[in-house]
Amino acid sequence: MTHPIRPFIVTHHLVFTLAAPMTLAYLTTPLLGVVDTAVVGRLGEAFMIGGLAVGAILVDVIFTTFNFLRSGTTGLTAQAYGREDETEIQATLLRSLIIGVASGIILLMLTPLLLSLGLYLMEPSETVAIATQQYVLIRMLGAPVTLGNYALLGWFIGLGRTRTGLLLQIALNGSNIILSIFLGLHLSLGIKGVAAATVISELLAFLLGLLICYPSLKCSTRPSWQRLLDRAALWRFANLNLDIMLRSFALLFAFAFFTTQGAYLGEQTLAANAVLMNFFMLASYFLDGLTSAAEQLAGRAIGANYRDGFMRSLKLTLGWNTVMASLLAMMLWFLGEPMIALITTLESVQTEAAQYLLLVALLPLTGVLAFQMDGIFIGATWSRDMSLMMLVSLGVYLATWWWLRDLANNGLWLALHVFLLVRGLTLSARLPVRIRQTFSQTK
């Protein structure tokens, strides 16, 4: 059976219309961390800052595990949008919300166990552990709406409504900043106020997202419970999410390994690497915006059975991602030392970090293909390839580090370059086969 082709026009303007709002949305995230740290830092207690840092790591690891809700929902929604299947568009949202909220409730119930495990592994001091407990126990109260927000954001990106995604992120992070200052400082609630501010902000963003999407849920195309709970659709969603979860775990392990090996090289090296990793994270926010565009366009083209649209989406997003990566590399190289001085005033750390500046500045170019392919494969829901190629890349990364370990920190940074390169190249190698399989019935 030949699936009908539903052509659509892919232009440079469309790519930027999708990418620019999400780039701005991602850039609002680090600002929140700075404000939270500043609020707790004004309390004059070092253990509070430590408690916030440890608590934030624990919560981020838990919630990052569920990033599949955002990615998986984007791909499935974009494909339903390309098929012009209004009922499946709604069904995808409702399935994601049900899974997200239910998973959040389970996480809430498991919080004491997860907190105990996290504290056991990280071994903070007693005072830091107490502050961490206060933060995490409050933050996890918002788990159901936090995961619900992942589903909503993925759905809006899948529909190409990235401006709405930007609005939700501004509402979330903006209200969080204001409430953190008000509750943490004005009401003198400290770390508890910062945690409560995040929970309240997540709830506000969730309610706003539901309010915005409700008019799009037409009664005439509302899915039945039978379709909503369709076994094949749920199985597909589960497999997709398991693959993305495995990929996320492998990625987390890769960066945790990088940090651990840096720590073995001494405090100065660890501090320098932490400063420089901020540069890579900054670059990733810009590249992630174009990755979101690739997700939506690739998924839409597959849903529309429109091979030409898929190939043009691939070409335009890869071209602009490469331009963006080149600009970021030049910015990091020319502005790297002033940026290092802005982050830390310790001259010894500045000197140490400057030694590796070229290696860090080249990371956007090394990683651009990995970011690009992630977007294409997420939108296309080719998740099994993503997880397998991530494991291959992780293996090569560890082997490269072992081979270059005599180069100390230079070898560690070079191994990270290899990890990013292999991720991009292995997925690119799978791309022609996947394209032939997916569009084999296109006439």
Protein backbone atom coordinates (compact mmCIF):
# COMPACT_ATOMS: atom_id res chain seq x y z
CA MET A 1 0.00 0.00 0.00
CA THR A 2 1.33 3.40 -1.04
CA HIS A 3 0.91 6.12 1.54
CA PRO A 4 -0.28 9.50 0.23
CA ILE A 5 2.30 12.26 -0.04
CA ARG A 6 1.48 15.56 1.66
CA PRO A 7 4.04 18.09 0.43
CA PHE A 8 4.97 21.18 2.42
CA ILE A 9 7.49 23.94 1.81
CA VAL A 10 10.74 23.92 3.79
CA THR A 11 12.51 27.28 3.76
CA HIS A 12 15.31 29.03 5.63
CA HIS A 13 12.65 31.20 7.24
CA LEU A 14 10.75 28.14 8.49
CA VAL A 15 13.93 26.71 10.02
CA PHE A 16 14.65 29.93 11.90
CA THR A 17 11.01 30.35 12.92
CA LEU A 18 11.26 26.96 14.61
CA ALA A 19 14.82 27.27 15.96
CA ALA A 20 15.03 30.84 17.29
CA PRO A 21 12.30 30.60 19.98
CA MET A 22 13.69 27.32 21.34
CA THR A 23 17.22 28.71 21.42
CA LEU A 24 15.98 31.60 23.55
CA ALA A 25 13.98 29.18 25.69
CA TYR A 26 17.01 27.00 26.40
CA LEU A 27 19.13 30.05 27.22
CA THR A 28 16.74 31.03 30.04
CA THR A 29 17.60 27.85 31.96
CA PRO A 30 21.13 28.70 33.18
CA LEU A 31 19.95 32.13 34.37
CA LEU A 32 17.66 30.39 36.85
CA GLY A 33 20.57 28.42 38.33
CA VAL A 34 22.57 31.61 38.77
CA VAL A 35 19.69 33.34 40.59
CA ASP A 36 19.01 30.36 42.88
CA THR A 37 22.68 30.18 43.82
CA ALA A 38 22.79 33.94 44.42
CA VAL A 39 19.70 33.82 46.65
CA VAL A 40 21.07 30.99 48.79
CA GLY A 41 24.54 32.57 48.72
CA ARG A 42 23.21 35.72 50.39
CA LEU A 43 22.17 33.67 53.41
CA GLY A 44 25.79 33.63 54.52
CA GLU A 45 25.94 29.87 55.10
CA ALA A 46 28.32 27.84 52.93
CA PHE A 47 26.56 24.55 53.70
CA MET A 48 23.36 25.98 52.18
CA ILE A 49 25.13 26.57 48.86
CA GLY A 50 26.49 23.04 49.04
CA GLY A 51 23.03 21.67 49.83
CA LEU A 52 21.57 23.49 46.83
CA ALA A 53 24.35 22.20 44.55
CA VAL A 54 24.01 18.57 45.67
CA GLY A 55 20.21 18.73 45.69
CA ALA A 56 20.09 20.25 42.21
CA ILE A 57 22.35 17.48 40.89
CA LEU A 58 20.15 14.76 42.40
CA VAL A 59 16.94 16.29 41.05
CA ASP A 60 18.47 16.93 37.62
CA VAL A 61 19.65 13.33 37.33
CA ILE A 62 16.17 12.04 38.26
CA PHE A 63 14.32 14.32 35.85
CA THR A 64 16.88 13.97 33.04
CA THR A 65 16.04 10.27 33.05
CA PHE A 66 12.55 11.26 31.88
CA ASN A 67 13.65 13.53 29.04
CA PHE A 68 12.23 10.87 26.73
CA LEU A 69 8.79 12.34 27.43
CA ARG A 70 9.82 15.54 25.67
CA SER A 71 11.76 13.91 22.83
CA GLY A 72 9.40 11.02 22.20
CA THR A 73 6.33 13.25 22.24
CA THR A 74 7.95 15.63 19.75
CA GLY A 75 8.69 12.90 17.21
CA LEU A 76 5.30 11.18 17.41
CA THR A 77 3.40 14.47 17.34
CA ALA A 78 5.37 15.77 14.35
CA GLN A 79 4.65 12.59 12.41
CA ALA A 80 0.93 12.74 13.22
CA TYR A 81 0.99 16.41 12.18
CA GLY A 82 2.60 15.46 8.86
CA ARG A 83 -0.13 12.85 8.26
CA GLU A 84 -2.74 15.47 9.17
CA ASP A 85 -4.12 12.98 11.70
CA GLU A 86 -5.85 15.24 14.21
CA THR A 87 -7.07 12.38 16.36
CA GLU A 88 -3.58 10.91 16.79
CA ILE A 89 -2.20 14.38 17.56
CA GLN A 90 -4.57 14.57 20.52
CA ALA A 91 -3.98 10.93 21.48
CA THR A 92 -0.21 11.51 21.60
CA LEU A 93 -0.64 14.46 23.96
CA LEU A 94 -3.03 12.62 26.25
CA ARG A 95 -0.88 9.47 26.38
CA SER A 96 2.19 11.57 27.21
CA LEU A 97 0.38 13.51 29.92
CA ILE A 98 -0.99 10.35 31.52
CA ILE A 99 2.44 8.68 31.49
CA GLY A 100 4.16 11.86 32.69
CA VAL A 101 1.83 12.59 35.59
CA ALA A 102 1.67 8.90 36.62
CA SER A 103 5.49 8.65 36.52
CA GLY A 104 5.71 11.81 38.61
CA ILE A 105 3.44 10.34 41.27
CA ILE A 106 5.58 7.19 41.39
CA LEU A 107 8.74 9.31 41.71
CA LEU A 108 7.12 11.25 44.54
CA MET A 109 6.44 8.00 46.38
CA LEU A 110 10.04 6.85 45.81
CA THR A 111 11.62 10.15 46.87
CA PRO A 112 12.87 9.00 50.32
CA LEU A 113 14.58 5.99 48.73
CA LEU A 114 16.10 8.02 45.87
CA LEU A 115 17.27 10.70 48.29
CA SER A 116 18.94 8.17 50.58
CA LEU A 117 20.69 6.54 47.61
CA GLY A 118 21.87 9.90 46.28
CA LEU A 119 23.26 11.02 49.62
CA TYR A 120 24.99 7.65 50.06
CA LEU A 121 26.72 7.96 46.68
CA MET A 122 27.69 11.63 46.99
CA GLU A 123 28.66 11.54 50.69
CA PRO A 124 28.13 15.23 51.60
CA SER A 125 28.84 16.54 55.10
CA GLU A 126 26.08 16.29 57.71
CA THR A 127 25.03 19.94 57.43
CA VAL A 128 25.06 19.84 53.61
CA ALA A 129 23.04 16.60 53.72
CA ILE A 130 20.36 18.26 55.88
CA ALA A 131 20.08 21.20 53.46
CA THR A 132 19.97 18.76 50.53
CA GLN A 133 17.10 16.84 52.14
CA GLN A 134 15.11 20.04 52.63
CA TYR A 135 15.58 21.01 49.00
CA VAL A 136 14.90 17.63 47.39
CA LEU A 137 11.85 16.73 49.49
CA ILE A 138 10.14 19.97 48.48
CA ARG A 139 11.29 19.88 44.83
CA MET A 140 9.97 16.37 44.29
CA LEU A 141 6.47 17.47 45.31
CA GLY A 142 6.30 19.00 41.85
CA ALA A 143 7.37 15.82 40.02
CA PRO A 144 3.95 15.13 38.40
CA VAL A 145 3.66 18.62 36.90
CA THR A 146 7.37 18.75 35.98
CA LEU A 147 6.99 15.63 33.85
CA GLY A 148 3.65 16.92 32.58
CA ASN A 149 5.50 20.01 31.35
CA TYR A 150 7.93 17.76 29.44
CA ALA A 151 4.96 16.25 27.61
CA LEU A 152 3.42 19.65 26.85
CA LEU A 153 6.68 21.14 25.57
CA GLY A 154 7.32 18.11 23.35
CA TRP A 155 3.80 18.36 21.93
CA PHE A 156 4.10 22.04 21.07
CA ILE A 157 7.51 21.52 19.43
CA GLY A 158 6.08 18.60 17.43
CA LEU A 159 3.36 20.89 16.10
CA GLY A 160 5.96 23.52 15.18
CA ARG A 161 4.58 25.88 17.83
CA THR A 162 8.00 26.75 19.24
CA ARG A 163 6.91 30.28 20.16
CA THR A 164 4.45 28.69 22.57
CA GLY A 165 7.32 26.59 23.90
CA LEU A 166 9.29 29.79 24.45
CA LEU A 167 6.32 31.39 26.22
CA LEU A 168 6.03 28.43 28.59
CA GLN A 169 9.76 28.45 29.37
CA ILE A 170 9.73 32.19 30.03
CA ALA A 171 6.68 31.78 32.26
CA LEU A 172 8.33 28.89 34.09
CA ASN A 173 11.79 30.37 34.59
CA GLY A 174 10.62 33.97 34.97
CA SER A 175 8.13 33.16 37.72
CA ASN A 176 10.72 30.88 39.31
CA ILE A 177 13.28 33.69 39.52
CA ILE A 178 10.76 36.14 40.99
CA LEU A 179 9.41 33.63 43.50
CA SER A 180 12.92 32.47 44.49
CA ILE A 181 13.87 36.02 45.40
CA PHE A 182 10.56 36.66 47.17
CA LEU A 183 10.35 33.41 49.11
CA GLY A 184 14.05 32.84 49.62
CA LEU A 185 15.09 36.36 50.61
CA HIS A 186 12.06 38.53 51.34
CA LEU A 187 10.30 35.88 53.43
CA SER A 188 13.65 34.48 54.66
CA LEU A 189 12.72 30.90 53.76
CA GLY A 190 16.18 30.25 52.31
CA ILE A 191 16.73 26.97 50.51
CA LYS A 192 13.17 25.86 51.30
CA GLY A 193 11.86 28.99 49.59
CA VAL A 194 14.00 28.36 46.50
CA ALA A 195 12.68 24.79 46.23
CA ALA A 196 9.06 25.90 46.79
CA ALA A 197 9.47 28.59 44.13
CA THR A 198 10.39 25.94 41.56
CA VAL A 199 7.41 23.75 42.47
CA ILE A 200 4.96 26.67 42.25
CA SER A 201 6.48 27.78 38.92
CA GLU A 202 6.22 24.28 37.45
CA LEU A 203 2.55 24.19 38.45
CA LEU A 204 1.87 27.62 36.93
CA ALA A 205 3.58 26.64 33.66
CA PHE A 206 1.65 23.35 33.55
CA LEU A 207 -1.70 25.10 34.02
CA LEU A 208 -0.76 27.70 31.40
CA GLY A 209 0.22 24.96 28.96
CA LEU A 210 -3.08 23.15 29.46
CA LEU A 211 -4.97 26.41 29.01
CA ILE A 212 -3.16 27.11 25.72
CA CYS A 213 -3.56 23.63 24.26
CA TYR A 214 -7.21 23.13 25.25
CA PRO A 215 -8.69 25.10 22.31
CA SER A 216 -6.74 22.81 19.94
CA LEU A 217 -8.42 19.69 21.33
CA LYS A 218 -11.50 19.55 19.12
CA CYS A 219 -14.37 17.37 20.26
CA SER A 220 -14.94 16.12 16.70
CA THR A 221 -11.47 14.54 16.57
CA ARG A 222 -11.11 13.54 20.22
CA PRO A 223 -9.69 10.00 20.50
CA SER A 224 -11.73 7.24 22.10
CA TRP A 225 -10.40 5.42 25.14
CA GLN A 226 -9.88 2.40 22.91
CA ARG A 227 -7.55 4.37 20.63
CA LEU A 228 -5.90 6.16 23.51
CA LEU A 229 -5.05 2.82 25.13
CA ASP A 230 -4.27 1.07 21.85
CA ARG A 231 -1.71 -1.63 22.64
CA ALA A 232 0.37 -1.10 19.50
CA ALA A 233 0.58 2.67 20.05
CA LEU A 234 1.48 2.26 23.73
CA TRP A 235 4.09 -0.39 22.89
CA ARG A 236 5.64 1.89 20.29
CA PHE A 237 5.75 4.75 22.78
CA ALA A 238 7.27 2.50 25.44
CA ASN A 239 10.00 1.17 23.12
CA LEU A 240 10.78 4.66 21.90
CA ASN A 241 11.08 5.96 25.43
CA LEU A 242 13.21 3.05 26.66
CA ASP A 243 15.69 3.63 23.85
CA ILE A 244 15.88 7.37 24.55
CA MET A 245 16.25 6.65 28.29
CA LEU A 246 19.15 4.29 27.59
CA ARG A 247 20.77 6.95 25.40
CA SER A 248 20.33 9.54 28.18
CA PHE A 249 21.90 7.27 30.79
CA ALA A 250 24.89 6.62 28.53
CA LEU A 251 25.29 10.35 27.92
CA LEU A 252 25.12 11.10 31.64
CA PHE A 253 27.71 8.41 32.31
CA ALA A 254 30.04 9.87 29.69
CA PHE A 255 30.03 13.32 31.30
CA ALA A 256 30.16 11.90 34.83
CA PHE A 257 33.21 9.87 33.78
CA PHE A 258 34.79 13.03 32.37
CA THR A 259 34.27 14.86 35.68
CA THR A 260 35.55 11.93 37.73
CA GLN A 261 38.75 11.57 35.69
CA GLY A 262 39.31 15.31 35.96
CA ALA A 263 39.03 15.02 39.74
CA TYR A 264 41.76 12.35 39.77
CA LEU A 265 44.07 14.86 38.06
CA GLY A 266 43.82 17.30 40.97
CA GLU A 267 41.67 20.13 42.29
CA GLN A 268 43.06 22.71 39.85
CA THR A 269 42.27 20.52 36.85
CA LEU A 270 38.83 19.67 38.19
CA ALA A 271 38.05 23.37 38.71
CA ALA A 272 39.40 24.31 35.27
CA ASN A 273 37.36 21.60 33.57
CA ALA A 274 34.23 22.72 35.42
CA VAL A 275 34.76 26.29 34.17
CA LEU A 276 35.39 25.15 30.60
CA MET A 277 32.44 22.77 30.55
CA ASN A 278 30.23 25.84 30.95
CA PHE A 279 31.47 26.92 27.51
CA PHE A 280 30.36 23.65 25.96
CA MET A 281 26.98 23.84 27.70
CA LEU A 282 26.51 27.40 26.40
CA ALA A 283 27.27 26.22 22.86
CA SER A 284 24.87 23.31 23.27
CA TYR A 285 21.97 25.67 24.03
CA PHE A 286 22.45 27.36 20.65
CA LEU A 287 22.83 24.08 18.78
CA ASP A 288 19.81 22.60 20.57
CA GLY A 289 17.59 25.30 19.07
CA LEU A 290 18.38 24.10 15.55
CA THR A 291 18.14 20.52 16.76
CA SER A 292 14.52 21.22 17.75
CA ALA A 293 13.85 22.47 14.23
CA ALA A 294 15.38 19.29 12.80
CA GLU A 295 13.17 17.18 15.09
CA GLN A 296 9.96 18.83 13.97
CA LEU A 297 10.75 18.96 10.26
CA ALA A 298 12.08 15.40 10.06
CA GLY A 299 9.08 14.01 11.91
CA ARG A 300 6.64 16.05 9.85
CA ALA A 301 8.25 14.92 6.57
CA ILE A 302 8.04 11.26 7.58
CA GLY A 303 4.41 11.65 8.61
CA ALA A 304 3.71 13.37 5.29
CA ASN A 305 5.65 10.64 3.41
CA TYR A 306 7.52 13.49 1.73
CA ARG A 307 11.09 12.42 0.97
CA ASP A 308 12.05 15.69 -0.73
CA GLY A 309 10.91 17.63 2.34
CA PHE A 310 12.95 15.34 4.58
CA MET A 311 16.10 15.79 2.49
CA ARG A 312 15.70 19.57 2.30
CA SER A 313 15.09 19.74 6.07
CA LEU A 314 18.26 17.72 6.60
CA LYS A 315 20.25 19.97 4.27
CA LEU A 316 19.06 23.29 5.70
CA THR A 317 19.31 22.39 9.37
CA LEU A 318 22.75 20.81 8.89
CA GLY A 319 23.96 23.86 6.96
CA TRP A 320 22.80 26.34 9.57
CA ASN A 321 23.99 24.15 12.43
CA THR A 322 27.46 24.13 10.86
CA VAL A 323 27.42 27.92 10.50
CA MET A 324 26.29 28.26 14.12
CA ALA A 325 28.98 25.85 15.32
CA SER A 326 31.67 27.79 13.42
CA LEU A 327 30.56 31.08 14.95
CA LEU A 328 30.48 29.53 18.43
CA ALA A 329 33.97 28.09 17.97
CA MET A 330 35.36 31.50 16.97
CA MET A 331 33.56 33.21 19.86
CA LEU A 332 34.93 30.73 22.41
CA TRP A 333 38.45 31.07 21.01
CA PHE A 334 38.57 34.87 20.86
CA LEU A 335 36.53 35.56 24.01
CA GLY A 336 37.57 32.49 25.98
CA GLU A 337 40.06 34.08 28.35
CA PRO A 338 37.78 37.02 29.33
CA MET A 339 34.96 34.50 29.86
CA ILE A 340 37.20 32.39 32.10
CA ALA A 341 38.10 35.49 34.12
CA LEU A 342 34.40 36.32 34.44
CA ILE A 343 33.60 32.88 35.86
CA THR A 344 36.52 32.60 38.29
CA THR A 345 38.86 35.09 39.93
CA LEU A 346 41.40 32.41 40.95
CA GLU A 347 44.50 33.04 38.84
CA SER A 348 45.71 29.45 39.17
CA VAL A 349 42.42 28.13 37.77
CA GLN A 350 42.45 30.77 35.01
CA THR A 351 45.95 29.68 33.97
CA GLU A 352 45.01 26.01 34.03
CA ALA A 353 41.81 26.56 32.02
CA ALA A 354 43.58 28.67 29.37
CA GLN A 355 45.81 25.68 28.50
CA TYR A 356 42.82 23.76 27.11
CA LEU A 357 40.95 26.66 25.53
CA LEU A 358 41.61 25.61 21.92
CA LEU A 359 40.36 22.08 22.58
CA VAL A 360 37.19 23.48 24.14
CA ALA A 361 36.64 26.06 21.39
CA LEU A 362 36.65 23.27 18.78
CA LEU A 363 33.97 21.24 20.58
CA PRO A 364 31.00 22.88 18.75
CA LEU A 365 32.53 21.87 15.40
CA THR A 366 33.31 18.38 16.62
CA GLY A 367 29.83 17.92 18.06
CA VAL A 368 27.68 19.63 15.45
CA LEU A 369 26.96 16.43 13.53
CA ALA A 370 25.99 14.62 16.74
CA PHE A 371 23.51 17.38 17.63
CA GLN A 372 22.16 17.39 14.08
CA MET A 373 21.70 13.61 13.87
CA ASP A 374 20.07 13.55 17.32
CA GLY A 375 17.41 15.94 16.03
CA ILE A 376 16.79 13.97 12.85
CA PHE A 377 16.62 10.59 14.59
CA ILE A 378 14.39 11.88 17.41
CA GLY A 379 11.95 13.40 14.93
CA ALA A 380 11.99 10.25 12.84
CA THR A 381 11.60 8.11 16.02
CA TRP A 382 14.55 5.94 14.96
CA SER A 383 15.36 5.51 18.62
CA ARG A 384 16.91 2.04 18.48
CA ASP A 385 19.70 3.35 16.25
CA MET A 386 20.24 6.24 18.67
CA SER A 387 20.69 3.97 21.69
CA LEU A 388 22.91 1.45 19.90
CA MET A 389 25.15 4.09 18.33
CA MET A 390 25.41 5.87 21.69
CA LEU A 391 26.69 2.66 23.28
CA VAL A 392 29.19 2.20 20.45
CA SER A 393 30.35 5.81 20.88
CA LEU A 394 30.66 5.36 24.64
CA GLY A 395 32.83 2.30 24.13
CA VAL A 396 35.10 4.15 21.69
CA TYR A 397 35.25 7.11 24.11
CA LEU A 398 36.44 4.94 27.00
CA ALA A 399 38.94 3.12 24.79
CA THR A 400 40.29 6.43 23.49
CA TRP A 401 40.70 7.79 27.01
CA TRP A 402 42.60 4.65 28.01
CA TRP A 403 44.87 4.96 24.97
CA LEU A 404 45.52 8.68 25.62
CA ARG A 405 45.60 8.56 29.41
CA ASP A 406 49.33 9.42 29.48
CA LEU A 407 48.38 12.83 28.04
CA ALA A 408 46.48 13.55 31.28
CA ASN A 409 43.83 16.28 30.84
CA ASN A 410 44.67 16.85 27.16
CA GLY A 411 43.90 13.18 26.56
CA LEU A 412 40.62 13.52 28.45
CA TRP A 413 39.47 16.44 26.29
CA LEU A 414 40.61 14.65 23.11
CA ALA A 415 38.61 11.59 24.14
CA LEU A 416 35.52 13.81 24.51
CA HIS A 417 36.09 15.08 20.96
CA VAL A 418 36.25 11.49 19.71
CA PHE A 419 33.04 10.65 21.60
CA LEU A 420 31.16 13.48 19.89
CA LEU A 421 32.61 12.69 16.46
CA VAL A 422 31.78 9.00 16.66
CA ARG A 423 28.20 9.77 17.75
CA GLY A 424 27.66 11.95 14.70
CA LEU A 425 29.44 9.67 12.23
CA THR A 426 27.79 6.43 13.33
CA LEU A 427 24.30 7.93 13.12
CA SER A 428 25.15 9.47 9.74
CA ALA A 429 26.21 6.03 8.51
CA ARG A 430 22.78 4.66 9.44
CA LEU A 431 20.93 7.52 7.77
CA PRO A 432 20.89 6.32 4.08
CA VAL A 433 19.54 2.89 5.08
CA ARG A 434 16.84 4.44 7.26
CA ILE A 435 15.81 6.87 4.52
CA ARG A 436 15.44 4.04 1.99
CA GLN A 437 13.39 1.96 4.41
CA THR A 438 11.13 4.82 5.49
CA PHE A 439 10.36 6.23 2.05
CA SER A 440 10.35 2.93 0.13
CA GLN A 441 6.66 3.31 -0.72
CA THR A 442 6.93 6.90 -1.88
CA LYS A 443 5.86 7.34 -5.50
